[in-house]
PDB file of N, CA and C in Angstrom:
ATOM      1  N   UNK A   1     -20.133  61.578   8.179  1.00  0.00           N
ATOM      2  CA  UNK A   1     -20.804  62.660   7.499  1.00  0.00           C
ATOM      3  C   UNK A   1     -19.836  63.816   7.343  1.00  0.00           C
ATOM      4  N   UNK A   2     -19.801  64.404   6.183  1.00  0.00           N
ATOM      5  CA  UNK A   2     -18.977  65.572   5.914  1.00  0.00           C
ATOM      6  C   UNK A   2     -19.875  66.782   5.731  1.00  0.00           C
ATOM      7  N   UNK A   3     -19.569  67.858   6.436  1.00  0.00           N
ATOM      8  CA  UNK A   3     -20.323  69.101   6.283  1.00  0.00           C
ATOM      9  C   UNK A   3     -19.345  70.184   5.877  1.00  0.00           C
ATOM     10  N   UNK A   4     -19.683  70.948   4.843  1.00  0.00           N
ATOM     11  CA  UNK A   4     -18.807  72.021   4.381  1.00  0.00           C
ATOM     12  C   UNK A   4     -19.531  73.351   4.459  1.00  0.00           C
ATOM     13  N   UNK A   5     -18.769  74.430   4.533  1.00  0.00           N
ATOM     14  CA  UNK A   5     -19.350  75.770   4.587  1.00  0.00           C
ATOM     15  C   UNK A   5     -19.714  76.156   6.010  1.00  0.00           C
ATOM     16  N   UNK A   6     -20.212  77.378   6.176  1.00  0.00           N
ATOM     17  CA  UNK A   6     -20.646  77.776   7.509  1.00  0.00           C
ATOM     18  C   UNK A   6     -22.011  77.142   7.796  1.00  0.00           C
ATOM     19  N   UNK A   7     -22.453  77.206   9.042  1.00  0.00           N
ATOM     20  CA  UNK A   7     -23.688  76.513   9.429  1.00  0.00           C
ATOM     21  C   UNK A   7     -24.914  77.037   8.680  1.00  0.00           C
ATOM     22  N   UNK A   8     -24.860  78.239   8.198  1.00  0.00           N
ATOM     23  CA  UNK A   8     -25.999  78.830   7.497  1.00  0.00           C
ATOM     24  C   UNK A   8     -26.231  78.203   6.121  1.00  0.00           C
ATOM     25  N   UNK A   9     -25.163  77.818   5.442  1.00  0.00           N
ATOM     26  CA  UNK A   9     -25.311  77.244   4.106  1.00  0.00           C
ATOM     27  C   UNK A   9     -24.528  75.933   3.965  1.00  0.00           C
ATOM     28  N   UNK A  10     -24.382  75.220   5.072  1.00  0.00           N
ATOM     29  CA  UNK A  10     -23.604  73.977   5.065  1.00  0.00           C
ATOM     30  C   UNK A  10     -24.249  72.930   4.177  1.00  0.00           C
ATOM     31  N   UNK A  11     -23.414  72.155   3.510  1.00  0.00           N
ATOM     32  CA  UNK A  11     -23.872  71.069   2.661  1.00  0.00           C
ATOM     33  C   UNK A  11     -23.518  69.741   3.309  1.00  0.00           C
ATOM     34  N   UNK A  12     -24.450  68.813   3.228  1.00  0.00           N
ATOM     35  CA  UNK A  12     -24.192  67.468   3.724  1.00  0.00           C
ATOM     36  C   UNK A  12     -23.841  66.619   2.517  1.00  0.00           C
ATOM     37  N   UNK A  13     -22.745  65.896   2.611  1.00  0.00           N
ATOM     38  CA  UNK A  13     -22.342  65.061   1.492  1.00  0.00           C
ATOM     39  C   UNK A  13     -22.638  63.596   1.760  1.00  0.00           C
ATOM     40  N   UNK A  14     -22.091  63.037   2.820  1.00  0.00           N
ATOM     41  CA  UNK A  14     -22.253  61.610   3.100  1.00  0.00           C
ATOM     42  C   UNK A  14     -22.901  61.406   4.461  1.00  0.00           C
ATOM     43  N   UNK A  15     -23.720  60.365   4.558  1.00  0.00           N
ATOM     44  CA  UNK A  15     -24.381  60.023   5.817  1.00  0.00           C
ATOM     45  C   UNK A  15     -23.915  58.662   6.290  1.00  0.00           C
ATOM     46  N   UNK A  16     -24.848  57.731   6.444  1.00  0.00           N
ATOM     47  CA  UNK A  16     -24.553  56.401   6.966  1.00  0.00           C
ATOM     48  C   UNK A  16     -23.759  55.568   5.967  1.00  0.00           C
ATOM     49  N   UNK A  17     -22.993  54.621   6.517  1.00  0.00           N
ATOM     50  CA  UNK A  17     -22.174  53.725   5.714  1.00  0.00           C
ATOM     51  C   UNK A  17     -22.401  52.300   6.193  1.00  0.00           C
ATOM     52  N   UNK A  18     -22.602  51.364   5.251  1.00  0.00           N
ATOM     53  CA  UNK A  18     -22.694  49.945   5.601  1.00  0.00           C
ATOM     54  C   UNK A  18     -21.836  49.142   4.621  1.00  0.00           C
ATOM     55  N   UNK A  19     -21.426  47.966   5.058  1.00  0.00           N
ATOM     56  CA  UNK A  19     -20.685  47.036   4.217  1.00  0.00           C
ATOM     57  C   UNK A  19     -21.589  45.867   3.869  1.00  0.00           C
ATOM     58  N   UNK A  20     -21.590  45.469   2.603  1.00  0.00           N
ATOM     59  CA  UNK A  20     -22.344  44.304   2.137  1.00  0.00           C
ATOM     60  C   UNK A  20     -21.418  43.495   1.233  1.00  0.00           C
ATOM     61  N   UNK A  21     -20.986  42.341   1.713  1.00  0.00           N
ATOM     62  CA  UNK A  21     -20.032  41.486   0.991  1.00  0.00           C
ATOM     63  C   UNK A  21     -18.832  42.314   0.553  1.00  0.00           C
ATOM     64  N   UNK A  22     -18.642  42.488  -0.755  1.00  0.00           N
ATOM     65  CA  UNK A  22     -17.482  43.210  -1.260  1.00  0.00           C
ATOM     66  C   UNK A  22     -17.811  44.646  -1.667  1.00  0.00           C
ATOM     67  N   UNK A  23     -18.885  45.218  -1.103  1.00  0.00           N
ATOM     68  CA  UNK A  23     -19.303  46.580  -1.453  1.00  0.00           C
ATOM     69  C   UNK A  23     -19.450  47.458  -0.209  1.00  0.00           C
ATOM     70  N   UNK A  24     -19.238  48.733  -0.407  1.00  0.00           N
ATOM     71  CA  UNK A  24     -19.487  49.764   0.602  1.00  0.00           C
ATOM     72  C   UNK A  24     -20.675  50.568   0.095  1.00  0.00           C
ATOM     73  N   UNK A  25     -21.697  50.735   0.930  1.00  0.00           N
ATOM     74  CA  UNK A  25     -22.908  51.471   0.548  1.00  0.00           C
ATOM     75  C   UNK A  25     -23.018  52.697   1.451  1.00  0.00           C
ATOM     76  N   UNK A  26     -23.109  53.867   0.819  1.00  0.00           N
ATOM     77  CA  UNK A  26     -23.075  55.137   1.541  1.00  0.00           C
ATOM     78  C   UNK A  26     -24.266  55.991   1.122  1.00  0.00           C
ATOM     79  N   UNK A  27     -24.960  56.587   2.100  1.00  0.00           N
ATOM     80  CA  UNK A  27     -26.020  57.531   1.732  1.00  0.00           C
ATOM     81  C   UNK A  27     -25.387  58.864   1.354  1.00  0.00           C
ATOM     82  N   UNK A  28     -25.982  59.536   0.361  1.00  0.00           N
ATOM     83  CA  UNK A  28     -25.421  60.774  -0.182  1.00  0.00           C
ATOM     84  C   UNK A  28     -26.516  61.805  -0.412  1.00  0.00           C
ATOM     85  N   UNK A  29     -26.181  63.043  -0.100  1.00  0.00           N
ATOM     86  CA  UNK A  29     -27.129  64.134  -0.278  1.00  0.00           C
ATOM     87  C   UNK A  29     -26.554  65.234  -1.162  1.00  0.00           C
ATOM     88  N   UNK A  30     -25.608  65.988  -0.621  1.00  0.00           N
ATOM     89  CA  UNK A  30     -25.109  67.161  -1.317  1.00  0.00           C
ATOM     90  C   UNK A  30     -26.042  68.345  -1.176  1.00  0.00           C
ATOM     91  N   UNK A  31     -27.081  68.207  -0.331  1.00  0.00           N
ATOM     92  CA  UNK A  31     -28.081  69.252  -0.176  1.00  0.00           C
ATOM     93  C   UNK A  31     -27.749  70.257   0.903  1.00  0.00           C
ATOM     94  N   UNK A  32     -28.376  71.403   0.811  1.00  0.00           N
ATOM     95  CA  UNK A  32     -28.192  72.499   1.749  1.00  0.00           C
ATOM     96  C   UNK A  32     -28.863  72.191   3.082  1.00  0.00           C
ATOM     97  N   UNK A  33     -28.180  72.544   4.164  1.00  0.00           N
ATOM     98  CA  UNK A  33     -28.654  72.328   5.537  1.00  0.00           C
ATOM     99  C   UNK A  33     -30.046  72.926   5.756  1.00  0.00           C
ATOM    100  N   UNK A  34     -30.350  74.026   5.121  1.00  0.00           N
ATOM    101  CA  UNK A  34     -31.595  74.763   5.349  1.00  0.00           C
ATOM    102  C   UNK A  34     -32.748  74.315   4.461  1.00  0.00           C
ATOM    103  N   UNK A  35     -32.591  73.230   3.723  1.00  0.00           N
ATOM    104  CA  UNK A  35     -33.636  72.765   2.815  1.00  0.00           C
ATOM    105  C   UNK A  35     -33.935  71.290   3.059  1.00  0.00           C
ATOM    106  N   UNK A  36     -35.017  70.812   2.442  1.00  0.00           N
ATOM    107  CA  UNK A  36     -35.353  69.396   2.543  1.00  0.00           C
ATOM    108  C   UNK A  36     -34.334  68.517   1.819  1.00  0.00           C
ATOM    109  N   UNK A  37     -33.548  69.087   0.921  1.00  0.00           N
ATOM    110  CA  UNK A  37     -32.543  68.329   0.192  1.00  0.00           C
ATOM    111  C   UNK A  37     -31.363  67.923   1.063  1.00  0.00           C
ATOM    112  N   UNK A  38     -31.345  68.353   2.340  1.00  0.00           N
ATOM    113  CA  UNK A  38     -30.253  68.006   3.250  1.00  0.00           C
ATOM    114  C   UNK A  38     -30.205  66.503   3.511  1.00  0.00           C
ATOM    115  N   UNK A  39     -31.373  65.877   3.674  1.00  0.00           N
ATOM    116  CA  UNK A  39     -31.386  64.435   3.913  1.00  0.00           C
ATOM    117  C   UNK A  39     -31.051  63.695   2.629  1.00  0.00           C
ATOM    118  N   UNK A  40     -30.215  62.672   2.728  1.00  0.00           N
ATOM    119  CA  UNK A  40     -29.827  61.909   1.536  1.00  0.00           C
ATOM    120  C   UNK A  40     -31.026  61.246   0.874  1.00  0.00           C
ATOM    121  N   UNK A  41     -30.964  61.116  -0.451  1.00  0.00           N
ATOM    122  CA  UNK A  41     -31.975  60.355  -1.181  1.00  0.00           C
ATOM    123  C   UNK A  41     -31.326  59.422  -2.197  1.00  0.00           C
ATOM    124  N   UNK A  42     -30.010  59.302  -2.092  1.00  0.00           N
ATOM    125  CA  UNK A  42     -29.250  58.438  -2.985  1.00  0.00           C
ATOM    126  C   UNK A  42     -28.311  57.544  -2.183  1.00  0.00           C
ATOM    127  N   UNK A  43     -27.983  56.399  -2.764  1.00  0.00           N
ATOM    128  CA  UNK A  43     -26.955  55.529  -2.213  1.00  0.00           C
ATOM    129  C   UNK A  43     -25.833  55.445  -3.226  1.00  0.00           C
ATOM    130  N   UNK A  44     -24.611  55.667  -2.768  1.00  0.00           N
ATOM    131  CA  UNK A  44     -23.444  55.486  -3.616  1.00  0.00           C
ATOM    132  C   UNK A  44     -22.830  54.136  -3.269  1.00  0.00           C
ATOM    133  N   UNK A  45     -22.472  53.379  -4.294  1.00  0.00           N
ATOM    134  CA  UNK A  45     -21.895  52.060  -4.109  1.00  0.00           C
ATOM    135  C   UNK A  45     -20.421  52.134  -4.516  1.00  0.00           C
ATOM    136  N   UNK A  46     -19.550  51.609  -3.641  1.00  0.00           N
ATOM    137  CA  UNK A  46     -18.116  51.541  -3.898  1.00  0.00           C
ATOM    138  C   UNK A  46     -17.650  50.107  -3.686  1.00  0.00           C
ATOM    139  N   UNK A  47     -16.561  49.724  -4.352  1.00  0.00           N
ATOM    140  CA  UNK A  47     -15.959  48.433  -4.021  1.00  0.00           C
ATOM    141  C   UNK A  47     -15.055  48.628  -2.807  1.00  0.00           C
ATOM    142  N   UNK A  48     -14.467  47.551  -2.306  1.00  0.00           N
ATOM    143  CA  UNK A  48     -13.663  47.649  -1.087  1.00  0.00           C
ATOM    144  C   UNK A  48     -12.371  48.431  -1.275  1.00  0.00           C
ATOM    145  N   UNK A  49     -11.965  48.660  -2.520  1.00  0.00           N
ATOM    146  CA  UNK A  49     -10.797  49.500  -2.789  1.00  0.00           C
ATOM    147  C   UNK A  49     -11.171  50.977  -2.820  1.00  0.00           C
ATOM    148  N   UNK A  50     -12.464  51.271  -2.720  1.00  0.00           N
ATOM    149  CA  UNK A  50     -12.923  52.656  -2.724  1.00  0.00           C
ATOM    150  C   UNK A  50     -13.272  53.187  -4.092  1.00  0.00           C
ATOM    151  N   UNK A  51     -13.273  52.321  -5.107  1.00  0.00           N
ATOM    152  CA  UNK A  51     -13.638  52.749  -6.453  1.00  0.00           C
ATOM    153  C   UNK A  51     -15.150  52.837  -6.580  1.00  0.00           C
ATOM    154  N   UNK A  52     -15.622  53.930  -7.194  1.00  0.00           N
ATOM    155  CA  UNK A  52     -17.052  54.141  -7.424  1.00  0.00           C
ATOM    156  C   UNK A  52     -17.596  53.060  -8.353  1.00  0.00           C
ATOM    157  N   UNK A  53     -18.770  52.505  -8.005  1.00  0.00           N
ATOM    158  CA  UNK A  53     -19.421  51.489  -8.824  1.00  0.00           C
ATOM    159  C   UNK A  53     -20.679  52.048  -9.467  1.00  0.00           C
ATOM    160  N   UNK A  54     -21.593  52.601  -8.646  1.00  0.00           N
ATOM    161  CA  UNK A  54     -22.843  53.146  -9.197  1.00  0.00           C
ATOM    162  C   UNK A  54     -23.579  53.950  -8.146  1.00  0.00           C
ATOM    163  N   UNK A  55     -24.635  54.643  -8.586  1.00  0.00           N
ATOM    164  CA  UNK A  55     -25.530  55.404  -7.715  1.00  0.00           C
ATOM    165  C   UNK A  55     -26.927  54.825  -7.824  1.00  0.00           C
ATOM    166  N   UNK A  56     -27.574  54.627  -6.678  1.00  0.00           N
ATOM    167  CA  UNK A  56     -28.978  54.220  -6.645  1.00  0.00           C
ATOM    168  C   UNK A  56     -29.793  55.401  -6.131  1.00  0.00           C
ATOM    169  N   UNK A  57     -30.751  55.857  -6.918  1.00  0.00           N
ATOM    170  CA  UNK A  57     -31.632  56.953  -6.496  1.00  0.00           C
ATOM    171  C   UNK A  57     -32.817  56.323  -5.784  1.00  0.00           C
ATOM    172  N   UNK A  58     -32.918  56.530  -4.472  1.00  0.00           N
ATOM    173  CA  UNK A  58     -33.956  55.913  -3.652  1.00  0.00           C
ATOM    174  C   UNK A  58     -35.288  56.625  -3.828  1.00  0.00           C
ATOM    175  N   UNK A  59     -35.263  57.928  -4.037  1.00  0.00           N
ATOM    176  CA  UNK A  59     -36.497  58.664  -4.277  1.00  0.00           C
ATOM    177  C   UNK A  59     -37.191  59.163  -3.024  1.00  0.00           C
ATOM    178  N   UNK A  60     -36.670  58.833  -1.861  1.00  0.00           N
ATOM    179  CA  UNK A  60     -37.206  59.315  -0.583  1.00  0.00           C
ATOM    180  C   UNK A  60     -36.046  59.817   0.263  1.00  0.00           C
ATOM    181  N   UNK A  61     -36.326  60.789   1.158  1.00  0.00           N
ATOM    182  CA  UNK A  61     -35.297  61.341   2.029  1.00  0.00           C
ATOM    183  C   UNK A  61     -34.980  60.346   3.149  1.00  0.00           C
ATOM    184  N   UNK A  62     -33.745  59.883   3.182  1.00  0.00           N
ATOM    185  CA  UNK A  62     -33.308  58.851   4.130  1.00  0.00           C
ATOM    186  C   UNK A  62     -32.858  59.502   5.433  1.00  0.00           C
ATOM    187  N   UNK A  63     -33.493  59.125   6.549  1.00  0.00           N
ATOM    188  CA  UNK A  63     -33.041  59.570   7.867  1.00  0.00           C
ATOM    189  C   UNK A  63     -31.951  58.648   8.385  1.00  0.00           C
ATOM    190  N   UNK A  64     -32.141  57.346   8.155  1.00  0.00           N
ATOM    191  CA  UNK A  64     -31.207  56.353   8.670  1.00  0.00           C
ATOM    192  C   UNK A  64     -31.419  55.063   7.884  1.00  0.00           C
ATOM    193  N   UNK A  65     -30.399  54.224   7.822  1.00  0.00           N
ATOM    194  CA  UNK A  65     -30.566  52.907   7.227  1.00  0.00           C
ATOM    195  C   UNK A  65     -29.537  51.950   7.795  1.00  0.00           C
ATOM    196  N   UNK A  66     -29.816  50.667   7.682  1.00  0.00           N
ATOM    197  CA  UNK A  66     -28.895  49.642   8.151  1.00  0.00           C
ATOM    198  C   UNK A  66     -28.979  48.439   7.222  1.00  0.00           C
ATOM    199  N   UNK A  67     -27.996  47.558   7.336  1.00  0.00           N
ATOM    200  CA  UNK A  67     -27.951  46.357   6.516  1.00  0.00           C
ATOM    201  C   UNK A  67     -28.455  45.176   7.337  1.00  0.00           C
ATOM    202  N   UNK A  68     -29.457  44.490   6.833  1.00  0.00           N
ATOM    203  CA  UNK A  68     -30.015  43.284   7.443  1.00  0.00           C
ATOM    204  C   UNK A  68     -29.330  42.092   6.768  1.00  0.00           C
ATOM    205  N   UNK A  69     -28.283  41.578   7.395  1.00  0.00           N
ATOM    206  CA  UNK A  69     -27.473  40.518   6.795  1.00  0.00           C
ATOM    207  C   UNK A  69     -28.268  39.224   6.629  1.00  0.00           C
ATOM    208  N   UNK A  70     -29.117  38.909   7.580  1.00  0.00           N
ATOM    209  CA  UNK A  70     -29.895  37.664   7.531  1.00  0.00           C
ATOM    210  C   UNK A  70     -30.777  37.603   6.286  1.00  0.00           C
ATOM    211  N   UNK A  71     -31.398  38.723   5.927  1.00  0.00           N
ATOM    212  CA  UNK A  71     -32.299  38.778   4.765  1.00  0.00           C
ATOM    213  C   UNK A  71     -31.683  39.482   3.555  1.00  0.00           C
ATOM    214  N   UNK A  72     -30.419  39.872   3.649  1.00  0.00           N
ATOM    215  CA  UNK A  72     -29.683  40.549   2.578  1.00  0.00           C
ATOM    216  C   UNK A  72     -30.497  41.704   1.993  1.00  0.00           C
ATOM    217  N   UNK A  73     -30.778  42.682   2.854  1.00  0.00           N
ATOM    218  CA  UNK A  73     -31.545  43.850   2.433  1.00  0.00           C
ATOM    219  C   UNK A  73     -31.142  45.062   3.264  1.00  0.00           C
ATOM    220  N   UNK A  74     -31.448  46.225   2.742  1.00  0.00           N
ATOM    221  CA  UNK A  74     -31.276  47.470   3.482  1.00  0.00           C
ATOM    222  C   UNK A  74     -32.622  47.854   4.073  1.00  0.00           C
ATOM    223  N   UNK A  75     -32.615  48.269   5.322  1.00  0.00           N
ATOM    224  CA  UNK A  75     -33.831  48.728   5.990  1.00  0.00           C
ATOM    225  C   UNK A  75     -33.681  50.228   6.224  1.00  0.00           C
ATOM    226  N   UNK A  76     -34.699  50.990   5.822  1.00  0.00           N
ATOM    227  CA  UNK A  76     -34.638  52.445   5.853  1.00  0.00           C
ATOM    228  C   UNK A  76     -35.643  53.043   6.828  1.00  0.00           C
ATOM    229  N   UNK A  77     -35.247  54.166   7.409  1.00  0.00           N
ATOM    230  CA  UNK A  77     -36.140  55.093   8.086  1.00  0.00           C
ATOM    231  C   UNK A  77     -36.105  56.355   7.245  1.00  0.00           C
ATOM    232  N   UNK A  78     -37.270  56.759   6.730  1.00  0.00           N
ATOM    233  CA  UNK A  78     -37.346  57.916   5.837  1.00  0.00           C
ATOM    234  C   UNK A  78     -37.933  59.129   6.541  1.00  0.00           C
ATOM    235  N   UNK A  79     -37.496  60.304   6.125  1.00  0.00           N
ATOM    236  CA  UNK A  79     -38.107  61.572   6.521  1.00  0.00           C
ATOM    237  C   UNK A  79     -38.904  62.037   5.306  1.00  0.00           C
ATOM    238  N   UNK A  80     -40.003  61.325   5.043  1.00  0.00           N
ATOM    239  CA  UNK A  80     -40.762  61.545   3.812  1.00  0.00           C
ATOM    240  C   UNK A  80     -42.183  61.041   4.027  1.00  0.00           C
ATOM    241  N   UNK A  81     -42.974  60.979   2.965  1.00  0.00           N
ATOM    242  CA  UNK A  81     -44.343  60.475   3.071  1.00  0.00           C
ATOM    243  C   UNK A  81     -44.361  59.032   3.560  1.00  0.00           C
ATOM    244  N   UNK A  82     -43.418  58.225   3.091  1.00  0.00           N
ATOM    245  CA  UNK A  82     -43.242  56.861   3.580  1.00  0.00           C
ATOM    246  C   UNK A  82     -42.202  56.913   4.684  1.00  0.00           C
ATOM    247  N   UNK A  83     -42.487  56.305   5.838  1.00  0.00           N
ATOM    248  CA  UNK A  83     -41.575  56.416   6.972  1.00  0.00           C
ATOM    249  C   UNK A  83     -40.579  55.267   7.076  1.00  0.00           C
ATOM    250  N   UNK A  84     -40.962  54.075   6.626  1.00  0.00           N
ATOM    251  CA  UNK A  84     -40.081  52.912   6.702  1.00  0.00           C
ATOM    252  C   UNK A  84     -40.132  52.161   5.383  1.00  0.00           C
ATOM    253  N   UNK A  85     -39.044  51.475   5.080  1.00  0.00           N
ATOM    254  CA  UNK A  85     -39.019  50.659   3.874  1.00  0.00           C
ATOM    255  C   UNK A  85     -37.799  49.769   3.859  1.00  0.00           C
ATOM    256  N   UNK A  86     -37.766  48.890   2.884  1.00  0.00           N
ATOM    257  CA  UNK A  86     -36.583  48.053   2.723  1.00  0.00           C
ATOM    258  C   UNK A  86     -36.304  47.839   1.245  1.00  0.00           C
ATOM    259  N   UNK A  87     -35.054  47.509   0.960  1.00  0.00           N
ATOM    260  CA  UNK A  87     -34.606  47.273  -0.401  1.00  0.00           C
ATOM    261  C   UNK A  87     -33.873  45.938  -0.425  1.00  0.00           C
ATOM    262  N   UNK A  88     -34.481  44.906  -1.029  1.00  0.00           N
ATOM    263  CA  UNK A  88     -33.776  43.633  -1.156  1.00  0.00           C
ATOM    264  C   UNK A  88     -32.552  43.810  -2.063  1.00  0.00           C
ATOM    265  N   UNK A  89     -31.444  43.245  -1.664  1.00  0.00           N
ATOM    266  CA  UNK A  89     -30.221  43.388  -2.439  1.00  0.00           C
ATOM    267  C   UNK A  89     -29.923  42.097  -3.192  1.00  0.00           C
ATOM    268  N   UNK A  90     -29.347  42.248  -4.337  1.00  0.00           N
ATOM    269  CA  UNK A  90     -28.746  41.117  -5.045  1.00  0.00           C
ATOM    270  C   UNK A  90     -27.544  41.673  -5.796  1.00  0.00           C
ATOM    271  N   UNK A  91     -26.689  40.788  -6.246  1.00  0.00           N
ATOM    272  CA  UNK A  91     -25.455  41.243  -6.883  1.00  0.00           C
ATOM    273  C   UNK A  91     -25.717  42.069  -8.134  1.00  0.00           C
ATOM    274  N   UNK A  92     -26.792  41.779  -8.877  1.00  0.00           N
ATOM    275  CA  UNK A  92     -27.108  42.557 -10.079  1.00  0.00           C
ATOM    276  C   UNK A  92     -27.465  44.001  -9.741  1.00  0.00           C
ATOM    277  N   UNK A  93     -28.104  44.221  -8.606  1.00  0.00           N
ATOM    278  CA  UNK A  93     -28.529  45.563  -8.217  1.00  0.00           C
ATOM    279  C   UNK A  93     -27.348  46.461  -7.880  1.00  0.00           C
ATOM    280  N   UNK A  94     -26.339  45.928  -7.209  1.00  0.00           N
ATOM    281  CA  UNK A  94     -25.250  46.790  -6.729  1.00  0.00           C
ATOM    282  C   UNK A  94     -23.932  46.576  -7.467  1.00  0.00           C
ATOM    283  N   UNK A  95     -23.926  45.810  -8.519  1.00  0.00           N
ATOM    284  CA  UNK A  95     -22.705  45.647  -9.337  1.00  0.00           C
ATOM    285  C   UNK A  95     -22.721  46.580 -10.517  1.00  0.00           C
TER     286      UNK A  95
END
């Protein structure tokens, strides 16, 4: 996680990171520490060389997430109206 600025107006840029096959999936916010926008609500997808591939807008504030390799999905803990969820992955979704 990267935080910039003083603690009063710090911005959170990146949160959790997981690897899925040949992709890196990172939660992203860019929101102010003092607002609800601090928790990430987007996933940025990169290839293993670090090149940007795409952004997925999750629509809920992500507290934490992990990759479930057995079922090829992301499992989320949200700080939102919905507390838990999952996103099945396939190559079309993250390519």
